[in-house]
PDB file of all heavy atoms in Angstrom:
ATOM      1  N   THR A   1       4.274   4.555 -39.174  1.00  0.00           N
ATOM      2  CA  THR A   1       5.411   3.986 -38.428  1.00  0.00           C
ATOM      3  C   THR A   1       6.460   5.070 -38.175  1.00  0.00           C
ATOM      4  O   THR A   1       6.785   5.880 -39.060  1.00  0.00           O
ATOM      5  CB  THR A   1       6.055   2.835 -39.235  1.00  0.00           C
ATOM      6  OG1 THR A   1       5.027   1.885 -39.543  1.00  0.00           O
ATOM      7  CG2 THR A   1       7.160   2.185 -38.452  1.00  0.00           C
ATOM      8  N   ASN A   2       7.026   5.050 -36.944  1.00  0.00           N
ATOM      9  CA  ASN A   2       8.057   6.012 -36.520  1.00  0.00           C
ATOM     10  C   ASN A   2       7.562   7.450 -36.530  1.00  0.00           C
ATOM     11  O   ASN A   2       8.355   8.396 -36.556  1.00  0.00           O
ATOM     12  CB  ASN A   2       9.320   5.905 -37.378  1.00  0.00           C
ATOM     13  CG  ASN A   2      10.022   4.570 -37.201  1.00  0.00           C
ATOM     14  OD1 ASN A   2      10.017   3.984 -36.100  1.00  0.00           O
ATOM     15  ND2 ASN A   2      10.600   4.053 -38.275  1.00  0.00           N
ATOM     16  N   ALA A   3       6.191   7.578 -36.559  1.00  0.00           N
ATOM     17  CA  ALA A   3       5.627   8.915 -36.475  1.00  0.00           C
ATOM     18  C   ALA A   3       5.043   9.094 -35.092  1.00  0.00           C
ATOM     19  O   ALA A   3       4.759   8.137 -34.374  1.00  0.00           O
ATOM     20  CB  ALA A   3       4.570   9.119 -37.539  1.00  0.00           C
ATOM     21  N   ARG A   4       4.855  10.295 -34.682  1.00  0.00           N
ATOM     22  CA  ARG A   4       4.273  10.591 -33.383  1.00  0.00           C
ATOM     23  C   ARG A   4       2.973  11.368 -33.598  1.00  0.00           C
ATOM     24  O   ARG A   4       2.826  12.072 -34.620  1.00  0.00           O
ATOM     25  CB  ARG A   4       5.245  11.414 -32.532  1.00  0.00           C
ATOM     26  CG  ARG A   4       5.472  12.792 -33.041  1.00  0.00           C
ATOM     27  CD  ARG A   4       6.159  13.637 -31.957  1.00  0.00           C
ATOM     28  NE  ARG A   4       7.472  13.144 -31.649  1.00  0.00           N
ATOM     29  CZ  ARG A   4       8.575  13.530 -32.266  1.00  0.00           C
ATOM     30  NH1 ARG A   4       8.484  14.391 -33.249  1.00  0.00           N
ATOM     31  NH2 ARG A   4       9.732  13.056 -31.918  1.00  0.00           N
ATOM     32  N   CYS A   5       2.064  11.229 -32.644  1.00  0.00           N
ATOM     33  CA  CYS A   5       0.790  11.923 -32.704  1.00  0.00           C
ATOM     34  C   CYS A   5       0.726  12.940 -31.573  1.00  0.00           C
ATOM     35  O   CYS A   5       1.000  12.608 -30.410  1.00  0.00           O
ATOM     36  CB  CYS A   5      -0.375  10.925 -32.564  1.00  0.00           C
ATOM     37  SG  CYS A   5      -2.002  11.726 -32.552  1.00  0.00           S
ATOM     38  N   THR A   6       0.395  14.117 -31.905  1.00  0.00           N
ATOM     39  CA  THR A   6       0.225  15.184 -30.917  1.00  0.00           C
ATOM     40  C   THR A   6      -1.083  15.870 -31.203  1.00  0.00           C
ATOM     41  O   THR A   6      -1.625  15.790 -32.320  1.00  0.00           O
ATOM     42  CB  THR A   6       1.383  16.198 -30.993  1.00  0.00           C
ATOM     43  OG1 THR A   6       1.413  16.755 -32.303  1.00  0.00           O
ATOM     44  CG2 THR A   6       2.706  15.543 -30.648  1.00  0.00           C
ATOM     45  N   LEU A   7      -1.642  16.523 -30.217  1.00  0.00           N
ATOM     46  CA  LEU A   7      -2.909  17.219 -30.351  1.00  0.00           C
ATOM     47  C   LEU A   7      -2.671  18.695 -30.582  1.00  0.00           C
ATOM     48  O   LEU A   7      -1.811  19.311 -29.934  1.00  0.00           O
ATOM     49  CB  LEU A   7      -3.743  17.015 -29.100  1.00  0.00           C
ATOM     50  CG  LEU A   7      -4.223  15.577 -28.845  1.00  0.00           C
ATOM     51  CD1 LEU A   7      -5.002  15.514 -27.540  1.00  0.00           C
ATOM     52  CD2 LEU A   7      -5.087  15.083 -29.991  1.00  0.00           C
ATOM     53  N   SER A   8      -3.385  19.248 -31.461  1.00  0.00           N
ATOM     54  CA  SER A   8      -3.359  20.682 -31.706  1.00  0.00           C
ATOM     55  C   SER A   8      -4.801  21.148 -31.800  1.00  0.00           C
ATOM     56  O   SER A   8      -5.531  20.726 -32.725  1.00  0.00           O
ATOM     57  CB  SER A   8      -2.611  20.993 -33.013  1.00  0.00           C
ATOM     58  OG  SER A   8      -2.690  22.369 -33.295  1.00  0.00           O
ATOM     59  N   GLU A   9      -5.215  21.959 -30.809  1.00  0.00           N
ATOM     60  CA  GLU A   9      -6.586  22.411 -30.709  1.00  0.00           C
ATOM     61  C   GLU A   9      -7.535  21.204 -30.691  1.00  0.00           C
ATOM     62  O   GLU A   9      -8.498  21.105 -31.451  1.00  0.00           O
ATOM     63  CB  GLU A   9      -6.934  23.371 -31.855  1.00  0.00           C
ATOM     64  CG  GLU A   9      -6.135  24.649 -31.826  1.00  0.00           C
ATOM     65  CD  GLU A   9      -6.502  25.582 -32.939  1.00  0.00           C
ATOM     66  OE1 GLU A   9      -7.333  25.224 -33.811  1.00  0.00           O
ATOM     67  OE2 GLU A   9      -5.940  26.700 -32.963  1.00  0.00           O
ATOM     68  N   ASP A  10      -7.119  20.246 -29.893  1.00  0.00           N
ATOM     69  CA  ASP A  10      -7.902  19.034 -29.659  1.00  0.00           C
ATOM     70  C   ASP A  10      -7.988  18.138 -30.882  1.00  0.00           C
ATOM     71  O   ASP A  10      -8.818  17.238 -30.935  1.00  0.00           O
ATOM     72  CB  ASP A  10      -9.322  19.382 -29.148  1.00  0.00           C
ATOM     73  CG  ASP A  10      -9.279  20.105 -27.829  1.00  0.00           C
ATOM     74  OD1 ASP A  10      -8.270  19.889 -27.050  1.00  0.00           O
ATOM     75  OD2 ASP A  10     -10.188  20.879 -27.536  1.00  0.00           O
ATOM     76  N   ARG A  11      -7.126  18.431 -31.857  1.00  0.00           N
ATOM     77  CA  ARG A  11      -7.114  17.588 -33.061  1.00  0.00           C
ATOM     78  C   ARG A  11      -5.772  16.896 -33.145  1.00  0.00           C
ATOM     79  O   ARG A  11      -4.724  17.516 -32.876  1.00  0.00           O
ATOM     80  CB  ARG A  11      -7.353  18.419 -34.315  1.00  0.00           C
ATOM     81  CG  ARG A  11      -8.680  19.165 -34.374  1.00  0.00           C
ATOM     82  CD  ARG A  11      -9.851  18.239 -34.440  1.00  0.00           C
ATOM     83  NE  ARG A  11      -9.819  17.481 -35.667  1.00  0.00           N
ATOM     84  CZ  ARG A  11     -10.665  16.486 -35.928  1.00  0.00           C
ATOM     85  NH1 ARG A  11     -11.591  16.124 -35.045  1.00  0.00           N
ATOM     86  NH2 ARG A  11     -10.612  15.851 -37.086  1.00  0.00           N
ATOM     87  N   PRO A  12      -5.719  15.626 -33.548  1.00  0.00           N
ATOM     88  CA  PRO A  12      -4.434  14.923 -33.636  1.00  0.00           C
ATOM     89  C   PRO A  12      -3.606  15.437 -34.820  1.00  0.00           C
ATOM     90  O   PRO A  12      -4.151  15.762 -35.873  1.00  0.00           O
ATOM     91  CB  PRO A  12      -4.846  13.461 -33.837  1.00  0.00           C
ATOM     92  CG  PRO A  12      -6.200  13.525 -34.453  1.00  0.00           C
ATOM     93  CD  PRO A  12      -6.869  14.730 -33.889  1.00  0.00           C
ATOM     94  N   VAL A  13      -2.319  15.511 -34.548  1.00  0.00           N
ATOM     95  CA  VAL A  13      -1.368  15.933 -35.586  1.00  0.00           C
ATOM     96  C   VAL A  13      -0.277  14.876 -35.654  1.00  0.00           C
ATOM     97  O   VAL A  13       0.350  14.551 -34.633  1.00  0.00           O
ATOM     98  CB  VAL A  13      -0.760  17.306 -35.265  1.00  0.00           C
ATOM     99  CG1 VAL A  13       0.276  17.670 -36.308  1.00  0.00           C
ATOM    100  CG2 VAL A  13      -1.844  18.359 -35.173  1.00  0.00           C
ATOM    101  N   CYS A  14       0.026  14.346 -36.851  1.00  0.00           N
ATOM    102  CA  CYS A  14       1.080  13.335 -37.029  1.00  0.00           C
ATOM    103  C   CYS A  14       2.354  13.979 -37.552  1.00  0.00           C
ATOM    104  O   CYS A  14       2.307  14.812 -38.468  1.00  0.00           O
ATOM    105  CB  CYS A  14       0.589  12.258 -38.007  1.00  0.00           C
ATOM    106  SG  CYS A  14      -0.763  11.266 -37.386  1.00  0.00           S
ATOM    107  N   SER A  15       3.483  13.550 -37.012  1.00  0.00           N
ATOM    108  CA  SER A  15       4.807  14.038 -37.480  1.00  0.00           C
ATOM    109  C   SER A  15       5.854  12.962 -37.231  1.00  0.00           C
ATOM    110  O   SER A  15       5.711  12.126 -36.325  1.00  0.00           O
ATOM    111  CB  SER A  15       5.187  15.322 -36.736  1.00  0.00           C
ATOM    112  OG  SER A  15       5.312  15.068 -35.353  1.00  0.00           O
ATOM    113  N   CYS A  16       6.899  12.958 -38.086  1.00  0.00           N
ATOM    114  CA  CYS A  16       8.009  11.986 -37.910  1.00  0.00           C
ATOM    115  C   CYS A  16       8.797  12.314 -36.647  1.00  0.00           C
ATOM    116  O   CYS A  16       8.972  13.473 -36.266  1.00  0.00           O
ATOM    117  CB  CYS A  16       8.919  12.033 -39.117  1.00  0.00           C
ATOM    118  SG  CYS A  16       8.221  11.305 -40.607  1.00  0.00           S
ATOM    119  N   MET A  17       9.262  11.264 -36.019  1.00  0.00           N
ATOM    120  CA  MET A  17      10.079  11.440 -34.825  1.00  0.00           C
ATOM    121  C   MET A  17      11.417  12.095 -35.188  1.00  0.00           C
ATOM    122  O   MET A  17      11.802  12.150 -36.354  1.00  0.00           O
ATOM    123  CB  MET A  17      10.310  10.071 -34.156  1.00  0.00           C
ATOM    124  CG  MET A  17       9.026   9.417 -33.679  1.00  0.00           C
ATOM    125  SD  MET A  17       9.317   7.785 -32.950  1.00  0.00           S
ATOM    126  CE  MET A  17      10.312   8.276 -31.552  1.00  0.00           C
ATOM    127  N   ASN A  18      12.130  12.557 -34.166  1.00  0.00           N
ATOM    128  CA  ASN A  18      13.413  13.221 -34.387  1.00  0.00           C
ATOM    129  C   ASN A  18      14.360  12.298 -35.145  1.00  0.00           C
ATOM    130  O   ASN A  18      14.425  11.098 -34.876  1.00  0.00           O
ATOM    131  CB  ASN A  18      14.026  13.631 -33.041  1.00  0.00           C
ATOM    132  CG  ASN A  18      15.280  14.464 -33.222  1.00  0.00           C
ATOM    133  OD1 ASN A  18      15.361  15.232 -34.190  1.00  0.00           O
ATOM    134  ND2 ASN A  18      16.235  14.334 -32.316  1.00  0.00           N
ATOM    135  N   LEU A  19      15.145  12.899 -36.076  1.00  0.00           N
ATOM    136  CA  LEU A  19      16.092  12.178 -36.923  1.00  0.00           C
ATOM    137  C   LEU A  19      15.394  11.165 -37.812  1.00  0.00           C
ATOM    138  O   LEU A  19      15.974  10.145 -38.191  1.00  0.00           O
ATOM    139  CB  LEU A  19      17.193  11.511 -36.084  1.00  0.00           C
ATOM    140  CG  LEU A  19      18.139  12.466 -35.333  1.00  0.00           C
ATOM    141  CD1 LEU A  19      19.176  11.666 -34.554  1.00  0.00           C
ATOM    142  CD2 LEU A  19      18.838  13.444 -36.262  1.00  0.00           C
ATOM    143  N   HIS A  20      14.105  11.388 -38.124  1.00  0.00           N
ATOM    144  CA  HIS A  20      13.359  10.544 -39.061  1.00  0.00           C
ATOM    145  C   HIS A  20      12.730  11.429 -40.140  1.00  0.00           C
ATOM    146  O   HIS A  20      12.382  12.598 -39.875  1.00  0.00           O
ATOM    147  CB  HIS A  20      12.241   9.764 -38.343  1.00  0.00           C
ATOM    148  CG  HIS A  20      12.759   8.649 -37.489  1.00  0.00           C
ATOM    149  ND1 HIS A  20      13.424   8.862 -36.293  1.00  0.00           N
ATOM    150  CD2 HIS A  20      12.698   7.282 -37.660  1.00  0.00           C
ATOM    151  CE1 HIS A  20      13.759   7.718 -35.760  1.00  0.00           C
ATOM    152  NE2 HIS A  20      13.315   6.713 -36.574  1.00  0.00           N
ATOM    153  N   ILE A  21      12.580  10.881 -41.328  1.00  0.00           N
ATOM    154  CA  ILE A  21      11.920  11.613 -42.414  1.00  0.00           C
ATOM    155  C   ILE A  21      10.961  10.641 -43.138  1.00  0.00           C
ATOM    156  O   ILE A  21      11.124   9.426 -43.084  1.00  0.00           O
ATOM    157  CB  ILE A  21      12.950  12.190 -43.401  1.00  0.00           C
ATOM    158  CG1 ILE A  21      13.800  11.080 -44.033  1.00  0.00           C
ATOM    159  CG2 ILE A  21      13.821  13.245 -42.747  1.00  0.00           C
ATOM    160  CD1 ILE A  21      14.746  11.567 -45.112  1.00  0.00           C
ATOM    161  N   GLY A  22       9.985  11.185 -43.851  1.00  0.00           N
ATOM    162  CA  GLY A  22       9.034  10.352 -44.606  1.00  0.00           C
ATOM    163  C   GLY A  22       7.607  10.879 -44.482  1.00  0.00           C
ATOM    164  O   GLY A  22       7.396  12.043 -44.100  1.00  0.00           O
ATOM    165  N   ASP A  23       6.626   9.985 -44.752  1.00  0.00           N
ATOM    166  CA  ASP A  23       5.223  10.365 -44.658  1.00  0.00           C
ATOM    167  C   ASP A  23       4.736   9.960 -43.275  1.00  0.00           C
ATOM    168  O   ASP A  23       4.629   8.756 -42.957  1.00  0.00           O
ATOM    169  CB  ASP A  23       4.401   9.646 -45.731  1.00  0.00           C
ATOM    170  CG  ASP A  23       2.962  10.103 -45.768  1.00  0.00           C
ATOM    171  OD1 ASP A  23       2.535  10.811 -44.815  1.00  0.00           O
ATOM    172  OD2 ASP A  23       2.276   9.763 -46.729  1.00  0.00           O
ATOM    173  N   PRO A  24       4.410  10.940 -42.403  1.00  0.00           N
ATOM    174  CA  PRO A  24       4.021  10.601 -41.029  1.00  0.00           C
ATOM    175  C   PRO A  24       2.777   9.747 -40.959  1.00  0.00           C
ATOM    176  O   PRO A  24       2.561   9.054 -39.962  1.00  0.00           O
ATOM    177  CB  PRO A  24       3.806  11.969 -40.385  1.00  0.00           C
ATOM    178  CG  PRO A  24       4.573  12.926 -41.217  1.00  0.00           C
ATOM    179  CD  PRO A  24       4.498  12.398 -42.596  1.00  0.00           C
ATOM    180  N   LEU A  25       1.937   9.772 -42.014  1.00  0.00           N
ATOM    181  CA  LEU A  25       0.727   8.963 -41.982  1.00  0.00           C
ATOM    182  C   LEU A  25       0.996   7.528 -42.406  1.00  0.00           C
ATOM    183  O   LEU A  25       0.206   6.625 -42.091  1.00  0.00           O
ATOM    184  CB  LEU A  25      -0.325   9.582 -42.894  1.00  0.00           C
ATOM    185  CG  LEU A  25      -0.839  10.975 -42.496  1.00  0.00           C
ATOM    186  CD1 LEU A  25      -1.843  11.483 -43.522  1.00  0.00           C
ATOM    187  CD2 LEU A  25      -1.477  10.918 -41.115  1.00  0.00           C
ATOM    188  N   LEU A  26       2.164   7.337 -43.097  1.00  0.00           N
ATOM    189  CA  LEU A  26       2.493   5.992 -43.568  1.00  0.00           C
ATOM    190  C   LEU A  26       3.728   5.436 -42.847  1.00  0.00           C
ATOM    191  O   LEU A  26       3.637   4.458 -42.124  1.00  0.00           O
ATOM    192  CB  LEU A  26       2.716   6.022 -45.080  1.00  0.00           C
ATOM    193  CG  LEU A  26       1.517   6.449 -45.932  1.00  0.00           C
ATOM    194  CD1 LEU A  26       1.885   6.513 -47.396  1.00  0.00           C
ATOM    195  CD2 LEU A  26       0.326   5.481 -45.740  1.00  0.00           C
ATOM    196  N   ARG A  27       4.885   6.054 -43.108  1.00  0.00           N
ATOM    197  CA  ARG A  27       6.118   5.502 -42.525  1.00  0.00           C
ATOM    198  C   ARG A  27       7.199   6.599 -42.495  1.00  0.00           C
ATOM    199  O   ARG A  27       7.362   7.346 -43.469  1.00  0.00           O
ATOM    200  CB  ARG A  27       6.608   4.318 -43.343  1.00  0.00           C
ATOM    201  CG  ARG A  27       7.868   3.679 -42.791  1.00  0.00           C
ATOM    202  CD  ARG A  27       8.282   2.498 -43.661  1.00  0.00           C
ATOM    203  NE  ARG A  27       9.460   1.848 -43.099  1.00  0.00           N
ATOM    204  CZ  ARG A  27       9.434   0.954 -42.135  1.00  0.00           C
ATOM    205  NH1 ARG A  27       8.244   0.592 -41.618  1.00  0.00           N
ATOM    206  NH2 ARG A  27      10.531   0.383 -41.688  1.00  0.00           N
ATOM    207  N   CYS A  28       7.921   6.667 -41.420  1.00  0.00           N
ATOM    208  CA  CYS A  28       9.076   7.584 -41.276  1.00  0.00           C
ATOM    209  C   CYS A  28      10.363   6.746 -41.198  1.00  0.00           C
ATOM    210  O   CYS A  28      10.396   5.727 -40.473  1.00  0.00           O
ATOM    211  CB  CYS A  28       8.938   8.443 -40.027  1.00  0.00           C
ATOM    212  SG  CYS A  28       7.572   9.629 -40.106  1.00  0.00           S
ATOM    213  N   THR A  29      11.339   7.152 -41.932  1.00  0.00           N
ATOM    214  CA  THR A  29      12.627   6.423 -41.950  1.00  0.00           C
ATOM    215  C   THR A  29      13.705   7.232 -41.195  1.00  0.00           C
ATOM    216  O   THR A  29      13.847   8.454 -41.410  1.00  0.00           O
ATOM    217  CB  THR A  29      13.091   6.197 -43.407  1.00  0.00           C
ATOM    218  OG1 THR A  29      12.044   5.491 -44.104  1.00  0.00           O
ATOM    219  CG2 THR A  29      14.362   5.399 -43.440  1.00  0.00           C
ATOM    220  N   ARG A  30      14.490   6.504 -40.367  1.00  0.00           N
ATOM    221  CA  ARG A  30      15.549   7.188 -39.580  1.00  0.00           C
ATOM    222  C   ARG A  30      16.688   7.632 -40.514  1.00  0.00           C
ATOM    223  O   ARG A  30      17.106   6.892 -41.405  1.00  0.00           O
ATOM    224  CB  ARG A  30      16.102   6.257 -38.498  1.00  0.00           C
ATOM    225  CG  ARG A  30      17.193   6.913 -37.664  1.00  0.00           C
ATOM    226  CD  ARG A  30      17.679   5.961 -36.583  1.00  0.00           C
ATOM    227  NE  ARG A  30      18.772   6.552 -35.849  1.00  0.00           N
ATOM    228  CZ  ARG A  30      18.679   7.433 -34.863  1.00  0.00           C
ATOM    229  NH1 ARG A  30      17.457   7.842 -34.480  1.00  0.00           N
ATOM    230  NH2 ARG A  30      19.745   7.917 -34.250  1.00  0.00           N
ATOM    231  N   VAL A  31      17.205   8.858 -40.269  1.00  0.00           N
ATOM    232  CA  VAL A  31      18.367   9.386 -41.028  1.00  0.00           C
ATOM    233  C   VAL A  31      19.494   9.739 -40.035  1.00  0.00           C
ATOM    234  O   VAL A  31      19.287   9.797 -38.813  1.00  0.00           O
ATOM    235  CB  VAL A  31      17.964  10.617 -41.842  1.00  0.00           C
ATOM    236  CG1 VAL A  31      16.953  10.245 -42.927  1.00  0.00           C
ATOM    237  CG2 VAL A  31      17.391  11.703 -40.930  1.00  0.00           C
ATOM    238  N   GLU A  32      20.751  10.019 -40.604  1.00  0.00           N
ATOM    239  CA  GLU A  32      21.933  10.316 -39.751  1.00  0.00           C
ATOM    240  C   GLU A  32      21.828  11.716 -39.153  1.00  0.00           C
ATOM    241  O   GLU A  32      22.235  11.948 -38.012  1.00  0.00           O
ATOM    242  CB  GLU A  32      23.220  10.194 -40.580  1.00  0.00           C
ATOM    243  CG  GLU A  32      24.490  10.274 -39.740  1.00  0.00           C
ATOM    244  CD  GLU A  32      25.737  10.000 -40.557  1.00  0.00           C
ATOM    245  OE1 GLU A  32      25.619   9.723 -41.768  1.00  0.00           O
ATOM    246  OE2 GLU A  32      26.839  10.037 -39.984  1.00  0.00           O
ATOM    247  N   CYS A  33      21.314  12.667 -39.925  1.00  0.00           N
ATOM    248  CA  CYS A  33      21.229  14.023 -39.395  1.00  0.00           C
ATOM    249  C   CYS A  33      20.185  14.794 -40.155  1.00  0.00           C
ATOM    250  O   CYS A  33      19.807  14.442 -41.284  1.00  0.00           O
ATOM    251  CB  CYS A  33      22.552  14.753 -39.488  1.00  0.00           C
ATOM    252  SG  CYS A  33      23.115  14.987 -41.201  1.00  0.00           S
ATOM    253  N   LEU A  34      19.726  15.826 -39.499  1.00  0.00           N
ATOM    254  CA  LEU A  34      18.825  16.757 -40.162  1.00  0.00           C
ATOM    255  C   LEU A  34      19.485  18.132 -40.300  1.00  0.00           C
ATOM    256  O   LEU A  34      19.270  18.839 -41.280  1.00  0.00           O
ATOM    257  CB  LEU A  34      17.523  16.873 -39.364  1.00  0.00           C
ATOM    258  CG  LEU A  34      16.673  15.592 -39.283  1.00  0.00           C
ATOM    259  CD1 LEU A  34      15.475  15.809 -38.373  1.00  0.00           C
ATOM    260  CD2 LEU A  34      16.202  15.162 -40.676  1.00  0.00           C
ATOM    261  N   ILE A  35      20.247  18.518 -39.280  1.00  0.00           N
ATOM    262  CA  ILE A  35      20.983  19.782 -39.289  1.00  0.00           C
ATOM    263  C   ILE A  35      22.434  19.513 -38.883  1.00  0.00           C
ATOM    264  O   ILE A  35      22.787  18.430 -38.376  1.00  0.00           O
ATOM    265  CB  ILE A  35      20.343  20.811 -38.337  1.00  0.00           C
ATOM    266  CG1 ILE A  35      20.328  20.249 -36.906  1.00  0.00           C
ATOM    267  CG2 ILE A  35      18.934  21.181 -38.798  1.00  0.00           C
ATOM    268  CD1 ILE A  35      19.826  21.241 -35.884  1.00  0.00           C
ATOM    269  N   ASN A  36      23.330  20.527 -39.070  1.00  0.00           N
ATOM    270  CA  ASN A  36      24.768  20.351 -38.765  1.00  0.00           C
ATOM    271  C   ASN A  36      25.008  19.973 -37.312  1.00  0.00           C
ATOM    272  O   ASN A  36      25.903  19.195 -36.993  1.00  0.00           O
ATOM    273  CB  ASN A  36      25.534  21.639 -39.075  1.00  0.00           C
ATOM    274  CG  ASN A  36      25.685  21.881 -40.577  1.00  0.00           C
ATOM    275  OD1 ASN A  36      25.590  20.932 -41.370  1.00  0.00           O
ATOM    276  ND2 ASN A  36      25.894  23.129 -40.971  1.00  0.00           N
ATOM    277  N   GLU A  37      24.153  20.499 -36.422  1.00  0.00           N
ATOM    278  CA  GLU A  37      24.386  20.224 -35.005  1.00  0.00           C
ATOM    279  C   GLU A  37      24.168  18.760 -34.658  1.00  0.00           C
ATOM    280  O   GLU A  37      24.550  18.313 -33.568  1.00  0.00           O
ATOM    281  CB  GLU A  37      23.463  21.108 -34.161  1.00  0.00           C
ATOM    282  CG  GLU A  37      23.874  22.566 -34.044  1.00  0.00           C
ATOM    283  CD  GLU A  37      23.725  23.325 -35.339  1.00  0.00           C
ATOM    284  OE1 GLU A  37      23.043  22.814 -36.262  1.00  0.00           O
ATOM    285  OE2 GLU A  37      24.305  24.441 -35.458  1.00  0.00           O
ATOM    286  N   ASP A  38      23.514  18.007 -35.563  1.00  0.00           N
ATOM    287  CA  ASP A  38      23.354  16.569 -35.323  1.00  0.00           C
ATOM    288  C   ASP A  38      24.649  15.807 -35.571  1.00  0.00           C
ATOM    289  O   ASP A  38      24.738  14.612 -35.256  1.00  0.00           O
ATOM    290  CB  ASP A  38      22.244  16.018 -36.230  1.00  0.00           C
ATOM    291  CG  ASP A  38      20.878  16.597 -35.891  1.00  0.00           C
ATOM    292  OD1 ASP A  38      20.679  16.967 -34.698  1.00  0.00           O
ATOM    293  OD2 ASP A  38      20.028  16.684 -36.785  1.00  0.00           O
ATOM    294  N   CYS A  39      25.638  16.481 -36.153  1.00  0.00           N
ATOM    295  CA  CYS A  39      26.933  15.840 -36.476  1.00  0.00           C
ATOM    296  C   CYS A  39      28.013  16.333 -35.515  1.00  0.00           C
ATOM    297  O   CYS A  39      27.866  17.353 -34.834  1.00  0.00           O
ATOM    298  CB  CYS A  39      27.329  16.184 -37.913  1.00  0.00           C
ATOM    299  SG  CYS A  39      26.122  15.675 -39.154  1.00  0.00           S
ATOM    300  N   ILE A  40      29.111  15.578 -35.479  1.00  0.00           N
ATOM    301  CA  ILE A  40      30.265  16.063 -34.705  1.00  0.00           C
ATOM    302  C   ILE A  40      30.789  17.332 -35.366  1.00  0.00           C
ATOM    303  O   ILE A  40      30.523  17.597 -36.547  1.00  0.00           O
ATOM    304  CB  ILE A  40      31.364  14.984 -34.628  1.00  0.00           C
ATOM    305  CG1 ILE A  40      31.861  14.611 -36.029  1.00  0.00           C
ATOM    306  CG2 ILE A  40      30.855  13.746 -33.869  1.00  0.00           C
ATOM    307  CD1 ILE A  40      33.016  13.621 -36.014  1.00  0.00           C
ATOM    308  N   LYS A  41      31.590  18.127 -34.615  1.00  0.00           N
ATOM    309  CA  LYS A  41      31.982  19.448 -35.083  1.00  0.00           C
ATOM    310  C   LYS A  41      32.871  19.417 -36.323  1.00  0.00           C
ATOM    311  O   LYS A  41      32.971  20.408 -37.041  1.00  0.00           O
ATOM    312  CB  LYS A  41      32.699  20.205 -33.965  1.00  0.00           C
ATOM    313  CG  LYS A  41      31.767  20.567 -32.820  1.00  0.00           C
ATOM    314  CD  LYS A  41      32.493  21.401 -31.764  1.00  0.00           C
ATOM    315  CE  LYS A  41      31.544  21.806 -30.644  1.00  0.00           C
ATOM    316  NZ  LYS A  41      32.216  22.654 -29.633  1.00  0.00           N
ATOM    317  N   SER A  42      33.532  18.308 -36.547  1.00  0.00           N
ATOM    318  CA  SER A  42      34.435  18.227 -37.704  1.00  0.00           C
ATOM    319  C   SER A  42      33.694  17.810 -38.985  1.00  0.00           C
ATOM    320  O   SER A  42      34.335  17.637 -40.023  1.00  0.00           O
ATOM    321  CB  SER A  42      35.563  17.229 -37.422  1.00  0.00           C
ATOM    322  OG  SER A  42      35.034  15.940 -37.190  1.00  0.00           O
ATOM    323  N   LYS A  43      32.297  17.649 -38.896  1.00  0.00           N
ATOM    324  CA  LYS A  43      31.522  17.260 -40.087  1.00  0.00           C
ATOM    325  C   LYS A  43      30.301  18.159 -40.228  1.00  0.00           C
ATOM    326  O   LYS A  43      29.904  18.844 -39.285  1.00  0.00           O
ATOM    327  CB  LYS A  43      31.096  15.796 -40.001  1.00  0.00           C
ATOM    328  CG  LYS A  43      32.268  14.826 -40.069  1.00  0.00           C
ATOM    329  CD  LYS A  43      31.791  13.376 -40.076  1.00  0.00           C
ATOM    330  CE  LYS A  43      32.972  12.411 -40.175  1.00  0.00           C
ATOM    331  NZ  LYS A  43      32.518  11.002 -40.264  1.00  0.00           N
ATOM    332  N   VAL A  44      29.706  18.122 -41.408  1.00  0.00           N
ATOM    333  CA  VAL A  44      28.484  18.891 -41.670  1.00  0.00           C
ATOM    334  C   VAL A  44      27.390  17.930 -42.153  1.00  0.00           C
ATOM    335  O   VAL A  44      27.671  16.831 -42.627  1.00  0.00           O
ATOM    336  CB  VAL A  44      28.751  19.995 -42.726  1.00  0.00           C
ATOM    337  CG1 VAL A  44      29.760  21.003 -42.221  1.00  0.00           C
ATOM    338  CG2 VAL A  44      29.191  19.390 -44.047  1.00  0.00           C
ATOM    339  N   CYS A  45      26.140  18.376 -42.012  1.00  0.00           N
ATOM    340  CA  CYS A  45      25.012  17.550 -42.440  1.00  0.00           C
ATOM    341  C   CYS A  45      24.658  17.873 -43.887  1.00  0.00           C
ATOM    342  O   CYS A  45      24.280  19.003 -44.222  1.00  0.00           O
ATOM    343  CB  CYS A  45      23.805  17.818 -41.524  1.00  0.00           C
ATOM    344  SG  CYS A  45      22.422  16.707 -41.849  1.00  0.00           S
TER     345      CYS A  45
END
């Protein structure tokens, strides 16, 4: 859940969507930020 599938050398690759973390094969949970640029300039991640 909340993971995306992409192909790499014709093989599927699973990864969490942007601003999500977790196990891409099971479930990805949405978070507020991953890096500082995901926040307004007056805050840090």
